[in-house]
N, C-alpha and C. Protein backbone atom coordinates (compact mmCIF):
# COMPACT_ATOMS: atom_id res chain seq x y z
N MET A 1 -63.37 -95.97 158.52
CA MET A 1 -62.26 -95.48 157.68
C MET A 1 -62.81 -94.01 156.94
N ASN A 2 -62.28 -93.24 156.99
CA ASN A 2 -61.98 -91.72 156.30
C ASN A 2 -61.35 -91.41 154.76
N ASP A 3 -62.08 -91.70 154.26
CA ASP A 3 -61.30 -92.35 152.63
C ASP A 3 -61.84 -90.56 151.96
N ASP A 4 -61.65 -89.58 152.37
CA ASP A 4 -61.42 -88.31 152.14
C ASP A 4 -59.44 -88.55 152.12
N ARG A 5 -58.67 -89.08 153.09
CA ARG A 5 -57.55 -89.00 153.27
C ARG A 5 -56.45 -88.95 151.06
N GLU A 6 -55.57 -88.39 151.16
CA GLU A 6 -55.06 -88.37 150.15
C GLU A 6 -53.99 -89.89 150.46
N PRO A 7 -53.11 -89.79 148.92
CA PRO A 7 -52.05 -91.34 149.22
C PRO A 7 -51.06 -91.11 149.70
N ARG A 8 -50.15 -91.81 151.05
CA ARG A 8 -49.08 -90.54 151.78
C ARG A 8 -47.12 -91.36 150.44
N VAL A 9 -46.41 -90.52 150.47
CA VAL A 9 -45.35 -91.13 150.51
C VAL A 9 -44.77 -91.41 151.05
N ARG A 10 -43.85 -93.30 150.88
CA ARG A 10 -43.40 -93.26 152.35
C ARG A 10 -42.20 -94.08 151.44
N LEU A 11 -40.44 -94.01 152.59
CA LEU A 11 -39.82 -93.72 152.48
C LEU A 11 -39.62 -94.80 152.07
N PRO A 12 -38.58 -95.49 151.50
CA PRO A 12 -38.12 -96.95 150.88
C PRO A 12 -37.79 -98.03 152.14
N GLN A 13 -38.07 -99.27 151.64
CA GLN A 13 -37.70 -100.15 152.86
C GLN A 13 -36.59 -99.52 154.72
N ARG A 14 -35.72 -99.44 153.15
CA ARG A 14 -34.34 -98.50 154.91
C ARG A 14 -35.09 -97.32 155.21
N PRO A 15 -35.34 -96.78 156.24
CA PRO A 15 -35.13 -94.91 155.94
C PRO A 15 -34.70 -94.13 155.99
N SER A 16 -33.89 -93.30 155.62
CA SER A 16 -32.69 -92.30 156.28
C SER A 16 -33.38 -92.57 157.70
N PRO A 17 -32.88 -92.00 158.97
CA PRO A 17 -33.12 -91.67 159.38
C PRO A 17 -33.22 -89.73 160.17
N ARG A 18 -33.11 -89.24 158.44
CA ARG A 18 -33.52 -87.98 158.52
C ARG A 18 -35.00 -87.46 157.91
N GLY A 19 -35.79 -88.41 157.38
CA GLY A 19 -37.37 -88.31 156.71
C GLY A 19 -36.82 -88.06 156.01
N LEU A 20 -38.17 -87.70 155.67
CA LEU A 20 -38.35 -86.61 154.45
C LEU A 20 -38.38 -85.25 153.74
N CYS A 21 -38.28 -84.50 154.98
CA CYS A 21 -38.19 -83.74 154.32
C CYS A 21 -37.03 -82.79 153.87
N PRO A 22 -35.72 -83.59 154.12
CA PRO A 22 -34.26 -82.83 154.04
C PRO A 22 -34.24 -83.64 152.51
N GLU A 23 -35.24 -83.69 151.90
CA GLU A 23 -34.82 -84.01 150.17
C GLU A 23 -36.48 -83.74 149.61
N CYS A 24 -37.48 -83.02 150.38
CA CYS A 24 -39.16 -82.62 149.66
C CYS A 24 -38.72 -81.71 148.68
N ALA A 25 -39.01 -81.00 147.95
CA ALA A 25 -39.17 -79.89 146.79
C ALA A 25 -40.01 -78.37 147.71
N HIS A 26 -41.02 -78.97 148.00
CA HIS A 26 -41.44 -78.02 148.54
C HIS A 26 -40.36 -77.71 150.63
N VAL A 27 -39.65 -77.43 150.38
CA VAL A 27 -38.82 -77.19 152.00
C VAL A 27 -37.85 -76.40 152.05
N ARG A 28 -37.88 -75.45 152.82
CA ARG A 28 -36.11 -74.50 153.09
C ARG A 28 -36.02 -74.89 154.34
N ARG A 29 -34.11 -75.12 153.74
CA ARG A 29 -33.17 -75.10 155.30
C ARG A 29 -33.48 -73.32 156.62
N ILE A 30 -33.77 -73.57 157.59
CA ILE A 30 -33.81 -72.99 159.09
C ILE A 30 -32.50 -73.03 159.23
N GLU A 31 -31.77 -72.31 159.83
CA GLU A 31 -29.99 -72.59 160.66
C GLU A 31 -30.90 -71.23 161.56
N SER A 32 -30.74 -71.92 163.68
CA SER A 32 -31.30 -70.76 163.79
C SER A 32 -29.98 -69.89 164.12
N ALA A 33 -29.87 -69.24 164.53
CA ALA A 33 -27.81 -68.09 164.96
C ALA A 33 -27.18 -68.87 166.13
N LYS A 34 -28.01 -69.77 167.08
CA LYS A 34 -27.42 -71.37 167.56
C LYS A 34 -26.85 -72.17 166.99
N GLY A 35 -27.67 -72.32 165.92
CA GLY A 35 -27.19 -73.51 164.99
C GLY A 35 -28.39 -74.74 164.80
N SER A 36 -29.60 -73.91 165.53
CA SER A 36 -30.50 -74.98 165.26
C SER A 36 -30.96 -74.59 163.64
N VAL A 37 -31.45 -76.68 163.49
CA VAL A 37 -31.42 -76.48 161.70
C VAL A 37 -33.43 -76.83 162.33
N PHE A 38 -34.13 -76.30 161.29
CA PHE A 38 -35.18 -76.14 160.89
C PHE A 38 -35.61 -76.91 159.68
N TRP A 39 -37.02 -76.92 159.12
CA TRP A 39 -37.20 -77.65 157.72
C TRP A 39 -38.09 -76.93 157.57
N LEU A 40 -38.67 -75.77 157.07
CA LEU A 40 -39.61 -74.86 157.31
C LEU A 40 -40.42 -75.81 156.04
N CYS A 41 -41.57 -75.97 155.98
CA CYS A 41 -42.91 -76.85 154.25
C CYS A 41 -42.97 -75.20 154.38
N GLU A 42 -43.01 -75.19 152.95
CA GLU A 42 -43.55 -74.31 152.32
C GLU A 42 -44.52 -74.00 151.30
N LEU A 43 -45.30 -75.39 151.15
CA LEU A 43 -46.67 -75.98 151.20
C LEU A 43 -47.56 -75.71 152.09
N ALA A 44 -47.26 -75.78 152.87
CA ALA A 44 -48.32 -75.33 154.17
C ALA A 44 -48.53 -74.01 153.76
N GLU A 45 -48.11 -73.22 153.63
CA GLU A 45 -49.22 -71.79 153.24
C GLU A 45 -50.20 -72.11 152.42
N SER A 46 -50.42 -72.65 151.26
CA SER A 46 -51.21 -73.28 150.43
C SER A 46 -52.25 -74.59 150.82
N GLU A 47 -51.40 -75.21 151.48
CA GLU A 47 -52.18 -77.02 152.55
C GLU A 47 -52.48 -76.68 153.30
N PRO A 48 -53.51 -76.21 154.27
CA PRO A 48 -53.52 -76.39 156.10
C PRO A 48 -53.51 -77.22 156.88
N ARG A 49 -53.50 -78.60 156.01
CA ARG A 49 -53.26 -79.77 156.37
C ARG A 49 -52.03 -79.91 156.97
N LEU A 50 -50.35 -79.10 156.40
CA LEU A 50 -49.66 -78.80 156.84
C LEU A 50 -49.22 -78.19 157.87
N PRO A 51 -48.29 -79.39 158.32
CA PRO A 51 -47.22 -77.25 159.53
C PRO A 51 -46.76 -76.92 159.20
N ARG A 52 -46.23 -76.11 159.45
CA ARG A 52 -44.61 -74.93 159.15
C ARG A 52 -43.89 -76.19 159.27
N TYR A 53 -43.30 -76.45 160.21
CA TYR A 53 -42.52 -76.72 161.19
C TYR A 53 -42.29 -78.25 161.09
N PRO A 54 -42.30 -79.26 160.65
CA PRO A 54 -43.14 -80.44 160.86
C PRO A 54 -42.47 -80.64 161.63
N ALA A 55 -42.44 -81.61 162.63
CA ALA A 55 -42.42 -82.61 163.83
C ALA A 55 -40.98 -83.59 163.05
N GLN A 56 -39.78 -83.95 163.25
CA GLN A 56 -38.80 -85.04 162.44
C GLN A 56 -38.32 -85.85 162.88
N PRO A 57 -37.42 -86.88 162.41
CA PRO A 57 -38.23 -87.21 161.18
C PRO A 57 -40.02 -87.86 160.82
N ARG A 58 -39.72 -87.22 159.65
CA ARG A 58 -41.67 -87.01 158.96
C ARG A 58 -40.40 -88.03 158.09
N MET A 59 -41.87 -89.47 158.54
CA MET A 59 -41.45 -90.21 157.36
C MET A 59 -42.92 -91.10 156.75
N GLU A 60 -43.27 -89.56 156.20
CA GLU A 60 -44.92 -89.82 155.31
C GLU A 60 -45.35 -87.97 155.13
N CYS A 61 -45.88 -88.35 153.51
CA CYS A 61 -45.70 -86.73 154.13
C CYS A 61 -46.90 -87.00 152.08
N PHE A 62 -48.53 -86.81 152.26
CA PHE A 62 -48.43 -86.52 151.17
C PHE A 62 -47.92 -85.91 149.78
N GLY A 63 -47.79 -84.34 150.73
CA GLY A 63 -47.78 -83.34 149.61
C GLY A 63 -45.77 -82.83 149.09
N PHE A 64 -45.00 -84.33 149.64
CA PHE A 64 -43.78 -84.76 149.12
C PHE A 64 -42.99 -85.13 148.06
N ARG A 65 -42.81 -84.77 147.63
CA ARG A 65 -42.40 -84.34 146.16
C ARG A 65 -40.62 -84.19 145.99
N ARG A 66 -40.05 -85.08 145.38
CA ARG A 66 -38.32 -84.78 145.17
C ARG A 66 -38.18 -83.51 143.90
């Protein structure tokens, strides 16, 4: 087991189907010209372990902040 892992924030017992990203302080909502919505994780610029555009819904993330 890897002891270097950081604690992850999990959703409450009844997770929203939207996941964590729409509620995160580090996210920016990007909408394409065709109307598709993407969540850009701005924390990924300084934290290489995080994806810039996380797969959705993301149900746990050590960088999550409200």
